[in-house]
Amino acid sequence: MIEIVDLCNKEGLKEPEFIQEEMFRTIIWRKSRPEQVTTEVTTEVRKLLQILVGEETRKELQKKLELRNDEHFRKAYIVPALEAGLIEYTIPDKPNSRLQKYRLTEKGKKVLKNKNSEKN
């Protein structure tokens, strides 16, 4: 048992738990996995991320993407990007504000950066 504890300590893991009940059990902890940045995104969301510079309104983004249908833009671009945490509101407590704008999150920037580095 001491060897297991030493090995776990050496690897920077939490010390294992040894439980003696009807049966003897050992719990050995794994390292936590880093956050995955390789979020799968749709073609539409990727286009939105690529054209979003700074803070922009829904109308500005729609115009850049040459889209006229508000509902389609909201359902195919904005909602999935918000739900994936790739973009965020500039006024989060008032999502329907006429002054509302959108900006990339750190996660959105990482997704863009990873995709751009894959092309090189």
PDB file of N, CA and C in Angstrom:
ATOM      1  N   MET A   1       0.812  -1.194   0.000  1.00  0.00           N
ATOM      2  CA  MET A   1       0.000   0.000   0.000  1.00  0.00           C
ATOM      3  C   MET A   1       0.857   1.259   0.000  1.00  0.00           C
ATOM      4  N   ILE A   2       1.954   1.214   0.697  1.00  0.00           N
ATOM      5  CA  ILE A   2       2.831   2.377   0.772  1.00  0.00           C
ATOM      6  C   ILE A   2       3.366   2.719  -0.613  1.00  0.00           C
ATOM      7  N   GLU A   3       3.651   1.703  -1.428  1.00  0.00           N
ATOM      8  CA  GLU A   3       4.138   1.944  -2.786  1.00  0.00           C
ATOM      9  C   GLU A   3       3.096   2.679  -3.620  1.00  0.00           C
ATOM     10  N   ILE A   4       1.820   2.318  -3.455  1.00  0.00           N
ATOM     11  CA  ILE A   4       0.749   2.986  -4.204  1.00  0.00           C
ATOM     12  C   ILE A   4       0.675   4.455  -3.807  1.00  0.00           C
ATOM     13  N   VAL A   5       0.746   4.739  -2.519  1.00  0.00           N
ATOM     14  CA  VAL A   5       0.703   6.119  -2.025  1.00  0.00           C
ATOM     15  C   VAL A   5       1.888   6.898  -2.583  1.00  0.00           C
ATOM     16  N   ASP A   6       3.079   6.301  -2.539  1.00  0.00           N
ATOM     17  CA  ASP A   6       4.281   6.965  -3.048  1.00  0.00           C
ATOM     18  C   ASP A   6       4.154   7.270  -4.544  1.00  0.00           C
ATOM     19  N   LEU A   7       3.660   6.303  -5.301  1.00  0.00           N
ATOM     20  CA  LEU A   7       3.483   6.512  -6.747  1.00  0.00           C
ATOM     21  C   LEU A   7       2.474   7.622  -7.035  1.00  0.00           C
ATOM     22  N   CYS A   8       1.381   7.643  -6.293  1.00  0.00           N
ATOM     23  CA  CYS A   8       0.372   8.699  -6.474  1.00  0.00           C
ATOM     24  C   CYS A   8       0.963  10.065  -6.149  1.00  0.00           C
ATOM     25  N   ASN A   9       1.687  10.155  -5.041  1.00  0.00           N
ATOM     26  CA  ASN A   9       2.330  11.417  -4.671  1.00  0.00           C
ATOM     27  C   ASN A   9       3.319  11.868  -5.737  1.00  0.00           C
ATOM     28  N   LYS A  10       4.087  10.919  -6.251  1.00  0.00           N
ATOM     29  CA  LYS A  10       5.078  11.217  -7.283  1.00  0.00           C
ATOM     30  C   LYS A  10       4.417  11.784  -8.541  1.00  0.00           C
ATOM     31  N   GLU A  11       3.209  11.287  -8.865  1.00  0.00           N
ATOM     32  CA  GLU A  11       2.486  11.739 -10.060  1.00  0.00           C
ATOM     33  C   GLU A  11       1.622  12.967  -9.798  1.00  0.00           C
ATOM     34  N   GLY A  12       1.632  13.452  -8.568  1.00  0.00           N
ATOM     35  CA  GLY A  12       0.846  14.637  -8.230  1.00  0.00           C
ATOM     36  C   GLY A  12      -0.637  14.352  -8.075  1.00  0.00           C
ATOM     37  N   LEU A  13      -0.981  13.111  -7.768  1.00  0.00           N
ATOM     38  CA  LEU A  13      -2.378  12.722  -7.587  1.00  0.00           C
ATOM     39  C   LEU A  13      -2.768  12.808  -6.121  1.00  0.00           C
ATOM     40  N   LYS A  14      -4.066  12.947  -5.885  1.00  0.00           N
ATOM     41  CA  LYS A  14      -4.598  12.882  -4.527  1.00  0.00           C
ATOM     42  C   LYS A  14      -4.306  11.488  -3.972  1.00  0.00           C
ATOM     43  N   GLU A  15      -3.990  11.415  -2.674  1.00  0.00           N
ATOM     44  CA  GLU A  15      -3.680  10.107  -2.086  1.00  0.00           C
ATOM     45  C   GLU A  15      -4.865   9.157  -2.220  1.00  0.00           C
ATOM     46  N   PRO A  16      -4.590   7.884  -2.497  1.00  0.00           N
ATOM     47  CA  PRO A  16      -5.683   6.924  -2.649  1.00  0.00           C
ATOM     48  C   PRO A  16      -6.394   6.682  -1.318  1.00  0.00           C
ATOM     49  N   GLU A  17      -7.646   6.224  -1.454  1.00  0.00           N
ATOM     50  CA  GLU A  17      -8.418   5.873  -0.258  1.00  0.00           C
ATOM     51  C   GLU A  17      -8.458   4.357  -0.144  1.00  0.00           C
ATOM     52  N   PHE A  18      -8.232   3.863   1.063  1.00  0.00           N
ATOM     53  CA  PHE A  18      -8.299   2.428   1.330  1.00  0.00           C
ATOM     54  C   PHE A  18      -9.488   2.203   2.255  1.00  0.00           C
ATOM     55  N   ILE A  19     -10.458   1.423   1.797  1.00  0.00           N
ATOM     56  CA  ILE A  19     -11.696   1.226   2.548  1.00  0.00           C
ATOM     57  C   ILE A  19     -11.835  -0.251   2.909  1.00  0.00           C
ATOM     58  N   GLN A  20     -11.913  -0.524   4.208  1.00  0.00           N
ATOM     59  CA  GLN A  20     -12.085  -1.893   4.688  1.00  0.00           C
ATOM     60  C   GLN A  20     -13.505  -2.036   5.226  1.00  0.00           C
ATOM     61  N   GLU A  21     -14.334  -2.750   4.480  1.00  0.00           N
ATOM     62  CA  GLU A  21     -15.697  -3.064   4.911  1.00  0.00           C
ATOM     63  C   GLU A  21     -15.829  -4.572   4.774  1.00  0.00           C
ATOM     64  N   GLU A  22     -16.937  -5.033   4.215  1.00  0.00           N
ATOM     65  CA  GLU A  22     -17.039  -6.472   3.944  1.00  0.00           C
ATOM     66  C   GLU A  22     -15.964  -6.890   2.949  1.00  0.00           C
ATOM     67  N   MET A  23     -15.724  -5.990   2.015  1.00  0.00           N
ATOM     68  CA  MET A  23     -14.660  -6.221   1.033  1.00  0.00           C
ATOM     69  C   MET A  23     -13.684  -5.052   1.129  1.00  0.00           C
ATOM     70  N   PHE A  24     -12.458  -5.285   0.792  1.00  0.00           N
ATOM     71  CA  PHE A  24     -11.446  -4.233   0.795  1.00  0.00           C
ATOM     72  C   PHE A  24     -11.508  -3.514  -0.553  1.00  0.00           C
ATOM     73  N   ARG A  25     -11.558  -2.183  -0.517  1.00  0.00           N
ATOM     74  CA  ARG A  25     -11.585  -1.405  -1.753  1.00  0.00           C
ATOM     75  C   ARG A  25     -10.508  -0.338  -1.712  1.00  0.00           C
ATOM     76  N   THR A  26      -9.991  -0.025  -2.883  1.00  0.00           N
ATOM     77  CA  THR A  26      -9.018   1.055  -3.023  1.00  0.00           C
ATOM     78  C   THR A  26      -9.543   2.020  -4.072  1.00  0.00           C
ATOM     79  N   ILE A  27      -9.522   3.310  -3.761  1.00  0.00           N
ATOM     80  CA  ILE A  27      -9.905   4.332  -4.736  1.00  0.00           C
ATOM     81  C   ILE A  27      -8.645   5.095  -5.108  1.00  0.00           C
ATOM     82  N   ILE A  28      -8.311   5.040  -6.381  1.00  0.00           N
ATOM     83  CA  ILE A  28      -7.150   5.773  -6.885  1.00  0.00           C
ATOM     84  C   ILE A  28      -7.678   6.877  -7.797  1.00  0.00           C
ATOM     85  N   TRP A  29      -7.294   8.112  -7.507  1.00  0.00           N
ATOM     86  CA  TRP A  29      -7.803   9.272  -8.220  1.00  0.00           C
ATOM     87  C   TRP A  29      -6.994   9.543  -9.484  1.00  0.00           C
ATOM     88  N   ARG A  30      -7.672   9.973 -10.511  1.00  0.00           N
ATOM     89  CA  ARG A  30      -7.026  10.362 -11.768  1.00  0.00           C
ATOM     90  C   ARG A  30      -6.726  11.856 -11.750  1.00  0.00           C
ATOM     91  N   LYS A  31      -5.863  12.252 -12.669  1.00  0.00           N
ATOM     92  CA  LYS A  31      -5.650  13.688 -12.872  1.00  0.00           C
ATOM     93  C   LYS A  31      -6.892  14.233 -13.552  1.00  0.00           C
ATOM     94  N   SER A  32      -7.245  15.471 -13.215  1.00  0.00           N
ATOM     95  CA  SER A  32      -8.408  16.067 -13.879  1.00  0.00           C
ATOM     96  C   SER A  32      -8.017  16.388 -15.320  1.00  0.00           C
ATOM     97  N   ARG A  33      -8.980  16.252 -16.171  1.00  0.00           N
ATOM     98  CA  ARG A  33      -8.742  16.514 -17.592  1.00  0.00           C
ATOM     99  C   ARG A  33      -8.856  18.000 -17.854  1.00  0.00           C
ATOM    100  N   PRO A  34      -7.976  18.548 -18.689  1.00  0.00           N
ATOM    101  CA  PRO A  34      -8.091  19.966 -19.019  1.00  0.00           C
ATOM    102  C   PRO A  34      -9.353  20.210 -19.851  1.00  0.00           C
ATOM    103  N   GLU A  35      -9.861  21.437 -19.783  1.00  0.00           N
ATOM    104  CA  GLU A  35     -11.065  21.786 -20.539  1.00  0.00           C
ATOM    105  C   GLU A  35     -10.812  21.606 -22.026  1.00  0.00           C
ATOM    106  N   GLN A  36     -11.738  20.935 -22.673  1.00  0.00           N
ATOM    107  CA  GLN A  36     -11.628  20.732 -24.112  1.00  0.00           C
ATOM    108  C   GLN A  36     -11.976  22.028 -24.832  1.00  0.00           C
ATOM    109  N   VAL A  37     -11.118  22.462 -25.717  1.00  0.00           N
ATOM    110  CA  VAL A  37     -11.371  23.663 -26.485  1.00  0.00           C
ATOM    111  C   VAL A  37     -11.815  23.290 -27.898  1.00  0.00           C
ATOM    112  N   THR A  38     -11.747  22.027 -28.209  1.00  0.00           N
ATOM    113  CA  THR A  38     -12.109  21.566 -29.541  1.00  0.00           C
ATOM    114  C   THR A  38     -13.621  21.366 -29.652  1.00  0.00           C
ATOM    115  N   THR A  39     -14.355  22.424 -29.352  1.00  0.00           N
ATOM    116  CA  THR A  39     -15.801  22.391 -29.429  1.00  0.00           C
ATOM    117  C   THR A  39     -16.221  22.241 -30.891  1.00  0.00           C
ATOM    118  N   GLU A  40     -17.106  21.285 -31.143  1.00  0.00           N
ATOM    119  CA  GLU A  40     -17.644  21.132 -32.490  1.00  0.00           C
ATOM    120  C   GLU A  40     -18.635  22.253 -32.729  1.00  0.00           C
ATOM    121  N   VAL A  41     -18.439  22.992 -33.794  1.00  0.00           N
ATOM    122  CA  VAL A  41     -19.357  24.075 -34.109  1.00  0.00           C
ATOM    123  C   VAL A  41     -19.853  23.921 -35.532  1.00  0.00           C
ATOM    124  N   THR A  42     -21.051  24.415 -35.747  1.00  0.00           N
ATOM    125  CA  THR A  42     -21.635  24.341 -37.086  1.00  0.00           C
ATOM    126  C   THR A  42     -20.937  25.328 -38.011  1.00  0.00           C
ATOM    127  N   THR A  43     -21.146  25.151 -39.279  1.00  0.00           N
ATOM    128  CA  THR A  43     -20.598  26.075 -40.276  1.00  0.00           C
ATOM    129  C   THR A  43     -21.103  27.484 -40.026  1.00  0.00           C
ATOM    130  N   GLU A  44     -22.384  27.589 -39.668  1.00  0.00           N
ATOM    131  CA  GLU A  44     -22.968  28.910 -39.413  1.00  0.00           C
ATOM    132  C   GLU A  44     -22.301  29.595 -38.228  1.00  0.00           C
ATOM    133  N   VAL A  45     -22.129  28.868 -37.135  1.00  0.00           N
ATOM    134  CA  VAL A  45     -21.513  29.460 -35.946  1.00  0.00           C
ATOM    135  C   VAL A  45     -20.060  29.841 -36.251  1.00  0.00           C
ATOM    136  N   ARG A  46     -19.353  28.999 -36.982  1.00  0.00           N
ATOM    137  CA  ARG A  46     -17.970  29.322 -37.339  1.00  0.00           C
ATOM    138  C   ARG A  46     -17.909  30.621 -38.153  1.00  0.00           C
ATOM    139  N   LYS A  47     -18.830  30.785 -39.096  1.00  0.00           N
ATOM    140  CA  LYS A  47     -18.871  32.026 -39.884  1.00  0.00           C
ATOM    141  C   LYS A  47     -19.098  33.224 -38.975  1.00  0.00           C
ATOM    142  N   LEU A  48     -20.002  33.067 -38.008  1.00  0.00           N
ATOM    143  CA  LEU A  48     -20.287  34.154 -37.066  1.00  0.00           C
ATOM    144  C   LEU A  48     -19.037  34.514 -36.269  1.00  0.00           C
ATOM    145  N   LEU A  49     -18.336  33.522 -35.767  1.00  0.00           N
ATOM    146  CA  LEU A  49     -17.118  33.771 -34.988  1.00  0.00           C
ATOM    147  C   LEU A  49     -16.068  34.495 -35.825  1.00  0.00           C
ATOM    148  N   GLN A  50     -15.965  34.121 -37.082  1.00  0.00           N
ATOM    149  CA  GLN A  50     -14.936  34.693 -37.953  1.00  0.00           C
ATOM    150  C   GLN A  50     -15.178  36.160 -38.280  1.00  0.00           C
ATOM    151  N   ILE A  51     -16.446  36.580 -38.308  1.00  0.00           N
ATOM    152  CA  ILE A  51     -16.724  37.971 -38.677  1.00  0.00           C
ATOM    153  C   ILE A  51     -16.950  38.879 -37.475  1.00  0.00           C
ATOM    154  N   LEU A  52     -17.072  38.307 -36.286  1.00  0.00           N
ATOM    155  CA  LEU A  52     -17.353  39.093 -35.085  1.00  0.00           C
ATOM    156  C   LEU A  52     -16.074  39.777 -34.606  1.00  0.00           C
ATOM    157  N   VAL A  53     -16.079  41.104 -34.692  1.00  0.00           N
ATOM    158  CA  VAL A  53     -14.918  41.898 -34.291  1.00  0.00           C
ATOM    159  C   VAL A  53     -15.359  42.865 -33.201  1.00  0.00           C
ATOM    160  N   GLY A  54     -14.724  42.783 -32.054  1.00  0.00           N
ATOM    161  CA  GLY A  54     -15.097  43.675 -30.949  1.00  0.00           C
ATOM    162  C   GLY A  54     -16.499  43.381 -30.472  1.00  0.00           C
ATOM    163  N   GLU A  55     -17.307  44.432 -30.370  1.00  0.00           N
ATOM    164  CA  GLU A  55     -18.702  44.299 -29.961  1.00  0.00           C
ATOM    165  C   GLU A  55     -19.586  44.769 -31.111  1.00  0.00           C
ATOM    166  N   GLU A  56     -20.535  43.920 -31.507  1.00  0.00           N
ATOM    167  CA  GLU A  56     -21.391  44.261 -32.636  1.00  0.00           C
ATOM    168  C   GLU A  56     -22.841  43.897 -32.353  1.00  0.00           C
ATOM    169  N   THR A  57     -23.754  44.654 -32.965  1.00  0.00           N
ATOM    170  CA  THR A  57     -25.182  44.393 -32.812  1.00  0.00           C
ATOM    171  C   THR A  57     -25.595  43.234 -33.717  1.00  0.00           C
ATOM    172  N   ARG A  58     -26.797  42.723 -33.457  1.00  0.00           N
ATOM    173  CA  ARG A  58     -27.350  41.654 -34.289  1.00  0.00           C
ATOM    174  C   ARG A  58     -27.475  42.129 -35.732  1.00  0.00           C
ATOM    175  N   LYS A  59     -27.955  43.345 -35.921  1.00  0.00           N
ATOM    176  CA  LYS A  59     -28.128  43.888 -37.284  1.00  0.00           C
ATOM    177  C   LYS A  59     -26.789  43.988 -38.021  1.00  0.00           C
ATOM    178  N   GLU A  60     -25.759  44.449 -37.318  1.00  0.00           N
ATOM    179  CA  GLU A  60     -24.437  44.567 -37.941  1.00  0.00           C
ATOM    180  C   GLU A  60     -23.925  43.195 -38.381  1.00  0.00           C
ATOM    181  N   LEU A  61     -24.100  42.200 -37.512  1.00  0.00           N
ATOM    182  CA  LEU A  61     -23.632  40.844 -37.831  1.00  0.00           C
ATOM    183  C   LEU A  61     -24.421  40.253 -38.999  1.00  0.00           C
ATOM    184  N   GLN A  62     -25.731  40.453 -38.975  1.00  0.00           N
ATOM    185  CA  GLN A  62     -26.571  39.939 -40.053  1.00  0.00           C
ATOM    186  C   GLN A  62     -26.178  40.570 -41.390  1.00  0.00           C
ATOM    187  N   LYS A  63     -25.906  41.845 -41.355  1.00  0.00           N
ATOM    188  CA  LYS A  63     -25.510  42.554 -42.587  1.00  0.00           C
ATOM    189  C   LYS A  63     -24.185  42.013 -43.120  1.00  0.00           C
ATOM    190  N   LYS A  64     -23.222  41.809 -42.226  1.00  0.00           N
ATOM    191  CA  LYS A  64     -21.922  41.259 -42.646  1.00  0.00           C
ATOM    192  C   LYS A  64     -22.074  39.884 -43.297  1.00  0.00           C
ATOM    193  N   LEU A  65     -23.001  39.085 -42.750  1.00  0.00           N
ATOM    194  CA  LEU A  65     -23.218  37.729 -43.269  1.00  0.00           C
ATOM    195  C   LEU A  65     -24.209  37.698 -44.436  1.00  0.00           C
ATOM    196  N   GLU A  66     -24.745  38.867 -44.767  1.00  0.00           N
ATOM    197  CA  GLU A  66     -25.713  39.008 -45.865  1.00  0.00           C
ATOM    198  C   GLU A  66     -26.938  38.120 -45.657  1.00  0.00           C
ATOM    199  N   LEU A  67     -27.453  38.140 -44.424  1.00  0.00           N
ATOM    200  CA  LEU A  67     -28.642  37.360 -44.071  1.00  0.00           C
ATOM    201  C   LEU A  67     -29.802  38.306 -43.801  1.00  0.00           C
ATOM    202  N   ARG A  68     -30.963  37.973 -44.330  1.00  0.00           N
ATOM    203  CA  ARG A  68     -32.130  38.843 -44.156  1.00  0.00           C
ATOM    204  C   ARG A  68     -33.132  38.305 -43.155  1.00  0.00           C
ATOM    205  N   ASN A  69     -33.189  36.999 -42.974  1.00  0.00           N
ATOM    206  CA  ASN A  69     -34.201  36.399 -42.110  1.00  0.00           C
ATOM    207  C   ASN A  69     -33.740  36.430 -40.655  1.00  0.00           C
ATOM    208  N   ASP A  70     -34.410  37.287 -39.851  1.00  0.00           N
ATOM    209  CA  ASP A  70     -34.033  37.462 -38.444  1.00  0.00           C
ATOM    210  C   ASP A  70     -34.135  36.161 -37.649  1.00  0.00           C
ATOM    211  N   GLU A  71     -35.222  35.434 -37.835  1.00  0.00           N
ATOM    212  CA  GLU A  71     -35.461  34.205 -37.071  1.00  0.00           C
ATOM    213  C   GLU A  71     -34.410  33.140 -37.393  1.00  0.00           C
ATOM    214  N   HIS A  72     -34.106  32.974 -38.670  1.00  0.00           N
ATOM    215  CA  HIS A  72     -33.074  32.003 -39.072  1.00  0.00           C
ATOM    216  C   HIS A  72     -31.725  32.395 -38.469  1.00  0.00           C
ATOM    217  N   PHE A  73     -31.387  33.668 -38.530  1.00  0.00           N
ATOM    218  CA  PHE A  73     -30.116  34.131 -37.982  1.00  0.00           C
ATOM    219  C   PHE A  73     -30.037  33.841 -36.481  1.00  0.00           C
ATOM    220  N   ARG A  74     -31.120  34.113 -35.781  1.00  0.00           N
ATOM    221  CA  ARG A  74     -31.151  33.881 -34.337  1.00  0.00           C
ATOM    222  C   ARG A  74     -31.001  32.398 -34.017  1.00  0.00           C
ATOM    223  N   LYS A  75     -31.781  31.548 -34.701  1.00  0.00           N
ATOM    224  CA  LYS A  75     -31.789  30.116 -34.398  1.00  0.00           C
ATOM    225  C   LYS A  75     -30.529  29.381 -34.867  1.00  0.00           C
ATOM    226  N   ALA A  76     -29.986  29.756 -36.008  1.00  0.00           N
ATOM    227  CA  ALA A  76     -28.849  29.021 -36.585  1.00  0.00           C
ATOM    228  C   ALA A  76     -27.490  29.589 -36.190  1.00  0.00           C
ATOM    229  N   TYR A  77     -27.449  30.851 -35.810  1.00  0.00           N
ATOM    230  CA  TYR A  77     -26.169  31.490 -35.523  1.00  0.00           C
ATOM    231  C   TYR A  77     -26.047  31.913 -34.055  1.00  0.00           C
ATOM    232  N   ILE A  78     -26.923  32.819 -33.636  1.00  0.00           N
ATOM    233  CA  ILE A  78     -26.789  33.439 -32.313  1.00  0.00           C
ATOM    234  C   ILE A  78     -27.022  32.443 -31.169  1.00  0.00           C
ATOM    235  N   VAL A  79     -28.163  31.760 -31.175  1.00  0.00           N
ATOM    236  CA  VAL A  79     -28.506  30.860 -30.061  1.00  0.00           C
ATOM    237  C   VAL A  79     -27.463  29.754 -29.880  1.00  0.00           C
ATOM    238  N   PRO A  80     -27.068  29.040 -30.934  1.00  0.00           N
ATOM    239  CA  PRO A  80     -26.049  27.989 -30.724  1.00  0.00           C
ATOM    240  C   PRO A  80     -24.713  28.547 -30.221  1.00  0.00           C
ATOM    241  N   ALA A  81     -24.320  29.718 -30.708  1.00  0.00           N
ATOM    242  CA  ALA A  81     -23.050  30.316 -30.263  1.00  0.00           C
ATOM    243  C   ALA A  81     -23.131  30.733 -28.795  1.00  0.00           C
ATOM    244  N   LEU A  82     -24.282  31.275 -28.382  1.00  0.00           N
ATOM    245  CA  LEU A  82     -24.468  31.636 -26.974  1.00  0.00           C
ATOM    246  C   LEU A  82     -24.476  30.399 -26.093  1.00  0.00           C
ATOM    247  N   GLU A  83     -25.224  29.370 -26.507  1.00  0.00           N
ATOM    248  CA  GLU A  83     -25.335  28.145 -25.708  1.00  0.00           C
ATOM    249  C   GLU A  83     -24.000  27.425 -25.565  1.00  0.00           C
ATOM    250  N   ALA A  84     -23.157  27.515 -26.592  1.00  0.00           N
ATOM    251  CA  ALA A  84     -21.839  26.874 -26.535  1.00  0.00           C
ATOM    252  C   ALA A  84     -20.830  27.719 -25.767  1.00  0.00           C
ATOM    253  N   GLY A  85     -21.225  28.933 -25.387  1.00  0.00           N
ATOM    254  CA  GLY A  85     -20.321  29.808 -24.639  1.00  0.00           C
ATOM    255  C   GLY A  85     -19.250  30.424 -25.516  1.00  0.00           C
ATOM    256  N   LEU A  86     -19.508  30.540 -26.820  1.00  0.00           N
ATOM    257  CA  LEU A  86     -18.526  31.081 -27.757  1.00  0.00           C
ATOM    258  C   LEU A  86     -18.670  32.587 -27.926  1.00  0.00           C
ATOM    259  N   ILE A  87     -19.888  33.085 -27.729  1.00  0.00           N
ATOM    260  CA  ILE A  87     -20.135  34.525 -27.719  1.00  0.00           C
ATOM    261  C   ILE A  87     -20.928  34.838 -26.456  1.00  0.00           C
ATOM    262  N   GLU A  88     -20.978  36.130 -26.121  1.00  0.00           N
ATOM    263  CA  GLU A  88     -21.733  36.543 -24.948  1.00  0.00           C
ATOM    264  C   GLU A  88     -22.384  37.887 -25.209  1.00  0.00           C
ATOM    265  N   TYR A  89     -23.405  38.188 -24.412  1.00  0.00           N
ATOM    266  CA  TYR A  89     -24.054  39.485 -24.459  1.00  0.00           C
ATOM    267  C   TYR A  89     -23.148  40.528 -23.822  1.00  0.00           C
ATOM    268  N   THR A  90     -23.238  41.764 -24.321  1.00  0.00           N
ATOM    269  CA  THR A  90     -22.530  42.858 -23.646  1.00  0.00           C
ATOM    270  C   THR A  90     -23.365  43.386 -22.481  1.00  0.00           C
ATOM    271  N   ILE A  91     -24.693  43.129 -22.528  1.00  0.00           N
ATOM    272  CA  ILE A  91     -25.586  43.513 -21.430  1.00  0.00           C
ATOM    273  C   ILE A  91     -26.316  42.232 -21.009  1.00  0.00           C
ATOM    274  N   PRO A  92     -25.655  41.352 -20.246  1.00  0.00           N
ATOM    275  CA  PRO A  92     -26.225  40.041 -19.942  1.00  0.00           C
ATOM    276  C   PRO A  92     -27.539  40.064 -19.172  1.00  0.00           C
ATOM    277  N   ASP A  93     -27.745  41.077 -18.336  1.00  0.00           N
ATOM    278  CA  ASP A  93     -28.981  41.126 -17.555  1.00  0.00           C
ATOM    279  C   ASP A  93     -30.164  41.663 -18.361  1.00  0.00           C
ATOM    280  N   LYS A  94     -29.919  42.117 -19.602  1.00  0.00           N
ATOM    281  CA  LYS A  94     -30.993  42.613 -20.470  1.00  0.00           C
ATOM    282  C   LYS A  94     -30.793  42.066 -21.892  1.00  0.00           C
ATOM    283  N   PRO A  95     -31.029  40.763 -22.085  1.00  0.00           N
ATOM    284  CA  PRO A  95     -30.766  40.168 -23.393  1.00  0.00           C
ATOM    285  C   PRO A  95     -31.591  40.753 -24.540  1.00  0.00           C
ATOM    286  N   ASN A  96     -32.737  41.372 -24.243  1.00  0.00           N
ATOM    287  CA  ASN A  96     -33.578  41.938 -25.300  1.00  0.00           C
ATOM    288  C   ASN A  96     -33.430  43.443 -25.444  1.00  0.00           C
ATOM    289  N   SER A  97     -32.418  44.021 -24.829  1.00  0.00           N
ATOM    290  CA  SER A  97     -32.193  45.461 -24.914  1.00  0.00           C
ATOM    291  C   SER A  97     -31.912  45.885 -26.352  1.00  0.00           C
ATOM    292  N   ARG A  98     -32.421  47.059 -26.715  1.00  0.00           N
ATOM    293  CA  ARG A  98     -32.152  47.572 -28.068  1.00  0.00           C
ATOM    294  C   ARG A  98     -30.675  47.949 -28.222  1.00  0.00           C
ATOM    295  N   LEU A  99     -29.984  48.084 -27.111  1.00  0.00           N
ATOM    296  CA  LEU A  99     -28.555  48.421 -27.123  1.00  0.00           C
ATOM    297  C   LEU A  99     -27.663  47.182 -27.061  1.00  0.00           C
ATOM    298  N   GLN A 100     -28.283  46.012 -27.084  1.00  0.00           N
ATOM    299  CA  GLN A 100     -27.538  44.753 -26.937  1.00  0.00           C
ATOM    300  C   GLN A 100     -26.536  44.559 -28.065  1.00  0.00           C
ATOM    301  N   LYS A 101     -25.362  44.092 -27.682  1.00  0.00           N
ATOM    302  CA  LYS A 101     -24.323  43.728 -28.647  1.00  0.00           C
ATOM    303  C   LYS A 101     -23.765  42.378 -28.235  1.00  0.00           C
ATOM    304  N   TYR A 102     -22.941  41.805 -29.085  1.00  0.00           N
ATOM    305  CA  TYR A 102     -22.329  40.509 -28.843  1.00  0.00           C
ATOM    306  C   TYR A 102     -20.821  40.649 -28.980  1.00  0.00           C
ATOM    307  N   ARG A 103     -20.109  39.794 -28.258  1.00  0.00           N
ATOM    308  CA  ARG A 103     -18.647  39.753 -28.369  1.00  0.00           C
ATOM    309  C   ARG A 103     -18.200  38.310 -28.171  1.00  0.00           C
ATOM    310  N   LEU A 104     -17.002  38.014 -28.669  1.00  0.00           N
ATOM    311  CA  LEU A 104     -16.421  36.685 -28.483  1.00  0.00           C
ATOM    312  C   LEU A 104     -16.039  36.478 -27.024  1.00  0.00           C
ATOM    313  N   THR A 105     -16.211  35.265 -26.545  1.00  0.00           N
ATOM    314  CA  THR A 105     -15.705  34.900 -25.221  1.00  0.00           C
ATOM    315  C   THR A 105     -14.290  34.368 -25.398  1.00  0.00           C
ATOM    316  N   GLU A 106     -13.614  34.111 -24.291  1.00  0.00           N
ATOM    317  CA  GLU A 106     -12.281  33.505 -24.381  1.00  0.00           C
ATOM    318  C   GLU A 106     -12.368  32.147 -25.080  1.00  0.00           C
ATOM    319  N   LYS A 107     -13.415  31.402 -24.769  1.00  0.00           N
ATOM    320  CA  LYS A 107     -13.610  30.092 -25.410  1.00  0.00           C
ATOM    321  C   LYS A 107     -13.786  30.262 -26.915  1.00  0.00           C
ATOM    322  N   GLY A 108     -14.550  31.257 -27.326  1.00  0.00           N
ATOM    323  CA  GLY A 108     -14.747  31.534 -28.748  1.00  0.00           C
ATOM    324  C   GLY A 108     -13.448  31.900 -29.443  1.00  0.00           C
ATOM    325  N   LYS A 109     -12.627  32.693 -28.766  1.00  0.00           N
ATOM    326  CA  LYS A 109     -11.322  33.084 -29.319  1.00  0.00           C
ATOM    327  C   LYS A 109     -10.416  31.870 -29.475  1.00  0.00           C
ATOM    328  N   LYS A 110     -10.467  30.950 -28.490  1.00  0.00           N
ATOM    329  CA  LYS A 110      -9.642  29.744 -28.551  1.00  0.00           C
ATOM    330  C   LYS A 110     -10.085  28.840 -29.690  1.00  0.00           C
ATOM    331  N   VAL A 111     -11.396  28.711 -29.867  1.00  0.00           N
ATOM    332  CA  VAL A 111     -11.903  27.885 -30.964  1.00  0.00           C
ATOM    333  C   VAL A 111     -11.433  28.457 -32.299  1.00  0.00           C
ATOM    334  N   LEU A 112     -11.530  29.766 -32.453  1.00  0.00           N
ATOM    335  CA  LEU A 112     -11.067  30.410 -33.681  1.00  0.00           C
ATOM    336  C   LEU A 112      -9.574  30.220 -33.878  1.00  0.00           C
ATOM    337  N   LYS A 113      -8.810  30.421 -32.826  1.00  0.00           N
ATOM    338  CA  LYS A 113      -7.352  30.288 -32.890  1.00  0.00           C
ATOM    339  C   LYS A 113      -6.956  28.858 -33.269  1.00  0.00           C
ATOM    340  N   ASN A 114      -7.606  27.866 -32.647  1.00  0.00           N
ATOM    341  CA  ASN A 114      -7.313  26.461 -32.949  1.00  0.00           C
ATOM    342  C   ASN A 114      -7.638  26.129 -34.391  1.00  0.00           C
ATOM    343  N   LYS A 115      -8.737  26.633 -34.889  1.00  0.00           N
ATOM    344  CA  LYS A 115      -9.134  26.357 -36.279  1.00  0.00           C
ATOM    345  C   LYS A 115      -8.158  27.012 -37.244  1.00  0.00           C
ATOM    346  N   ASN A 116      -7.736  28.251 -36.926  1.00  0.00           N
ATOM    347  CA  ASN A 116      -6.789  28.950 -37.793  1.00  0.00           C
ATOM    348  C   ASN A 116      -5.426  28.270 -37.794  1.00  0.00           C
ATOM    349  N   SER A 117      -4.995  27.737 -36.654  1.00  0.00           N
ATOM    350  CA  SER A 117      -3.693  27.059 -36.589  1.00  0.00           C
ATOM    351  C   SER A 117      -3.738  25.726 -37.327  1.00  0.00           C
ATOM    352  N   GLU A 118      -4.930  25.108 -37.445  1.00  0.00           N
ATOM    353  CA  GLU A 118      -5.049  23.859 -38.199  1.00  0.00           C
ATOM    354  C   GLU A 118      -4.830  24.113 -39.688  1.00  0.00           C
ATOM    355  N   LYS A 119      -5.174  25.309 -40.171  1.00  0.00           N
ATOM    356  CA  LYS A 119      -5.041  25.638 -41.593  1.00  0.00           C
ATOM    357  C   LYS A 119      -3.588  25.829 -41.982  1.00  0.00           C
ATOM    358  N   ASN A 120      -2.752  26.279 -41.017  1.00  0.00           N
ATOM    359  CA  ASN A 120      -1.330  26.557 -41.331  1.00  0.00           C
ATOM    360  C   ASN A 120      -0.492  25.319 -41.368  1.00  0.00           C
TER     361      ASN A 120
END
